[in-house]
C-alpha atoms as a PDB file:
ATOM      1  CA  THR A   1       0.000   0.000   0.000  1.00  0.00           C
ATOM      2  CA  ILE A   2       2.827   2.420   0.841  1.00  0.00           C
ATOM      3  CA  GLN A   3       4.598   1.662  -2.447  1.00  0.00           C
ATOM      4  CA  LYS A   4       1.362   2.169  -4.335  1.00  0.00           C
ATOM      5  CA  ALA A   5       0.712   5.474  -2.558  1.00  0.00           C
ATOM      6  CA  ALA A   6       4.229   6.716  -3.257  1.00  0.00           C
ATOM      7  CA  ALA A   7       3.990   5.697  -6.915  1.00  0.00           C
ATOM      8  CA  LEU A   8       0.636   7.410  -7.352  1.00  0.00           C
ATOM      9  CA  GLN A   9       1.957  10.529  -5.639  1.00  0.00           C
ATOM     10  CA  SER A  10       5.062  10.663  -7.831  1.00  0.00           C
ATOM     11  CA  ASN A  11       2.844  10.267 -10.915  1.00  0.00           C
ATOM     12  CA  GLY A  12       0.778  13.270  -9.825  1.00  0.00           C
ATOM     13  CA  ASP A  13      -2.445  11.373  -9.133  1.00  0.00           C
ATOM     14  CA  ALA A  14      -3.330  13.327  -6.007  1.00  0.00           C
ATOM     15  CA  SER A  15      -6.729  11.872  -5.164  1.00  0.00           C
ATOM     16  CA  GLU A  16      -5.708   8.237  -5.694  1.00  0.00           C
ATOM     17  CA  ALA A  17      -2.481   8.834  -3.762  1.00  0.00           C
ATOM     18  CA  ALA A  18      -4.435  10.385  -0.888  1.00  0.00           C
ATOM     19  CA  GLU A  19      -6.755   7.371  -0.782  1.00  0.00           C
ATOM     20  CA  ALA A  20      -3.797   4.957  -0.787  1.00  0.00           C
ATOM     21  CA  TRP A  21      -1.983   6.907   1.965  1.00  0.00           C
ATOM     22  CA  LEU A  22      -5.170   6.959   4.033  1.00  0.00           C
ATOM     23  CA  THR A  23      -5.433   3.180   3.690  1.00  0.00           C
ATOM     24  CA  ALA A  24      -1.775   2.897   4.746  1.00  0.00           C
ATOM     25  CA  VAL A  25      -2.137   5.125   7.814  1.00  0.00           C
ATOM     26  CA  LEU A  26      -5.263   3.281   8.945  1.00  0.00           C
ATOM     27  CA  ALA A  27      -3.506  -0.076   8.527  1.00  0.00           C
ATOM     28  CA  ALA A  28      -0.429   1.196  10.378  1.00  0.00           C
ATOM     29  CA  SER A  29      -2.600   2.461  13.217  1.00  0.00           C
ATOM     30  CA  GLU A  30      -4.316  -0.895  13.479  1.00  0.00           C
ATOM     31  CA  TRP A  31      -1.393  -3.295  13.031  1.00  0.00           C
ATOM     32  CA  LEU A  32       1.671  -1.528  14.437  1.00  0.00           C
ATOM     33  CA  PRO A  33       2.317  -1.069  18.149  1.00  0.00           C
ATOM     34  CA  PRO A  34       0.632   1.999  19.690  1.00  0.00           C
ATOM     35  CA  ASN A  35       2.400   5.226  18.737  1.00  0.00           C
ATOM     36  CA  ASP A  36       4.966   3.470  16.548  1.00  0.00           C
ATOM     37  CA  GLU A  37       7.097   6.029  14.732  1.00  0.00           C
ATOM     38  CA  GLN A  38       5.818   4.784  11.372  1.00  0.00           C
ATOM     39  CA  VAL A  39       2.295   5.874  12.257  1.00  0.00           C
ATOM     40  CA  ALA A  40       3.488   9.481  12.459  1.00  0.00           C
ATOM     41  CA  ALA A  41       5.646   9.188   9.332  1.00  0.00           C
ATOM     42  CA  ILE A  42       2.867   7.658   7.241  1.00  0.00           C
ATOM     43  CA  GLY A  43       0.434  10.182   8.702  1.00  0.00           C
ATOM     44  CA  VAL A  44       2.590  13.070   7.490  1.00  0.00           C
ATOM     45  CA  GLN A  45       2.695  11.587   3.987  1.00  0.00           C
ATOM     46  CA  CYS A  46      -1.059  11.045   4.072  1.00  0.00           C
ATOM     47  CA  ALA A  47      -1.662  14.632   5.163  1.00  0.00           C
ATOM     48  CA  LYS A  48       0.523  15.937   2.337  1.00  0.00           C
ATOM     49  CA  ALA A  49      -1.345  13.842  -0.211  1.00  0.00           C
ATOM     50  CA  LEU A  50      -4.716  14.928   1.137  1.00  0.00           C
ATOM     51  CA  ALA A  51      -3.656  18.578   1.001  1.00  0.00           C
ATOM     52  CA  HIS A  52      -2.609  18.163  -2.642  1.00  0.00           C
ATOM     53  CA  ALA A  53      -5.968  16.553  -3.370  1.00  0.00           C
ATOM     54  CA  ASP A  54      -7.780  19.578  -1.879  1.00  0.00           C
ATOM     55  CA  GLY A  55      -8.722  17.686   1.267  1.00  0.00           C
ATOM     56  CA  LEU A  56      -7.349  20.333   3.604  1.00  0.00           C
ATOM     57  CA  GLU A  57      -9.714  19.606   6.478  1.00  0.00           C
ATOM     58  CA  ALA A  58      -8.916  15.881   6.396  1.00  0.00           C
ATOM     59  CA  ALA A  59      -5.206  16.669   5.964  1.00  0.00           C
ATOM     60  CA  ARG A  60      -5.228  18.821   9.082  1.00  0.00           C
ATOM     61  CA  ALA A  61      -6.982  16.081  11.101  1.00  0.00           C
ATOM     62  CA  ILE A  62      -4.461  13.438   9.993  1.00  0.00           C
ATOM     63  CA  LEU A  63      -1.562  15.799  10.693  1.00  0.00           C
ATOM     64  CA  LYS A  64      -2.889  16.476  14.198  1.00  0.00           C
ATOM     65  CA  ALA A  65      -3.048  12.727  14.828  1.00  0.00           C
ATOM     66  CA  ALA A  66       0.485  12.273  13.463  1.00  0.00           C
ATOM     67  CA  TYR A  67       1.720  15.064  15.741  1.00  0.00           C
ATOM     68  CA  ALA A  68       0.004  13.508  18.775  1.00  0.00           C
ATOM     69  CA  SER A  69       1.601  10.141  18.028  1.00  0.00           C
ATOM     70  CA  HIS A  70       4.985  11.798  17.494  1.00  0.00           C
ATOM     71  CA  CYS A  71       4.701  13.590  20.846  1.00  0.00           C
ATOM     72  CA  ILE A  72       4.205  10.291  22.643  1.00  0.00           C
ATOM     73  CA  SER A  73       6.999   8.522  20.750  1.00  0.00           C
ATOM     74  CA  PHE A  74       9.627  11.269  20.768  1.00  0.00           C
ATOM     75  CA  GLY A  75       8.485  13.930  23.209  1.00  0.00           C
ATOM     76  CA  PRO A  76       6.265  16.973  22.905  1.00  0.00           C
ATOM     77  CA  GLY A  77       7.045  20.028  20.862  1.00  0.00           C
ATOM     78  CA  ILE A  78       6.040  21.363  17.507  1.00  0.00           C
ATOM     79  CA  ARG A  79       9.630  22.357  16.706  1.00  0.00           C
ATOM     80  CA  LEU A  80      10.845  18.776  17.219  1.00  0.00           C
ATOM     81  CA  PHE A  81       8.051  17.517  14.945  1.00  0.00           C
ATOM     82  CA  ALA A  82       8.787  20.157  12.315  1.00  0.00           C
ATOM     83  CA  ARG A  83      12.529  19.434  12.374  1.00  0.00           C
ATOM     84  CA  ARG A  84      11.940  15.717  11.938  1.00  0.00           C
ATOM     85  CA  TYR A  85       9.734  16.327   8.890  1.00  0.00           C
ATOM     86  CA  GLU A  86      11.260  19.576   7.606  1.00  0.00           C
ATOM     87  CA  ARG A  87      11.771  18.121   4.113  1.00  0.00           C
ATOM     88  CA  ASP A  88       8.099  17.188   3.994  1.00  0.00           C
ATOM     89  CA  PHE A  89       6.889  20.561   5.243  1.00  0.00           C
ATOM     90  CA  LEU A  90       9.431  22.547   3.207  1.00  0.00           C
ATOM     91  CA  LEU A  91      10.028  24.796   6.217  1.00  0.00           C
ATOM     92  CA  PRO A  92      13.401  26.012   7.435  1.00  0.00           C
ATOM     93  CA  PRO A  93      14.422  24.792  10.907  1.00  0.00           C
ATOM     94  CA  GLU A  94      14.362  28.376  12.172  1.00  0.00           C
ATOM     95  CA  ALA A  95      10.760  28.960  11.095  1.00  0.00           C
ATOM     96  CA  PRO A  96       8.816  31.053  13.613  1.00  0.00           C
ATOM     97  CA  GLU A  97       6.927  29.087  16.265  1.00  0.00           C
ATOM     98  CA  GLU A  98       3.651  30.724  15.151  1.00  0.00           C
ATOM     99  CA  LEU A  99       4.070  29.320  11.648  1.00  0.00           C
ATOM    100  CA  LEU A 100       4.800  25.865  12.989  1.00  0.00           C
ATOM    101  CA  GLU A 101       1.709  25.986  15.201  1.00  0.00           C
ATOM    102  CA  THR A 102      -0.484  26.564  12.139  1.00  0.00           C
ATOM    103  CA  LEU A 103       0.471  23.066  10.952  1.00  0.00           C
ATOM    104  CA  ILE A 104      -1.500  21.402  13.745  1.00  0.00           C
ATOM    105  CA  THR A 105      -4.220  23.879  14.695  1.00  0.00           C
END
């Protein structure tokens, strides 16, 4: 499912990629241990795909869940989350805290 989602995303098929990433994040949440780091990582990819498919509300909900899982796995803090996924968010590490907060609110 992850390979399919990544392939669809790289081919520019936003809605199909978003659906595949959503399937992957739901499967990861069900089958991996609670708050496994992959749940957050797949959640970030899912949120990106949903945002590209104009599913901003769903993307924000998935990103909030990924952040919550990340906080339990690695410790709280939006800056830590943003640094871990800075390539995905395309934000510089020194981005203002207010900008980072908009990712999960």
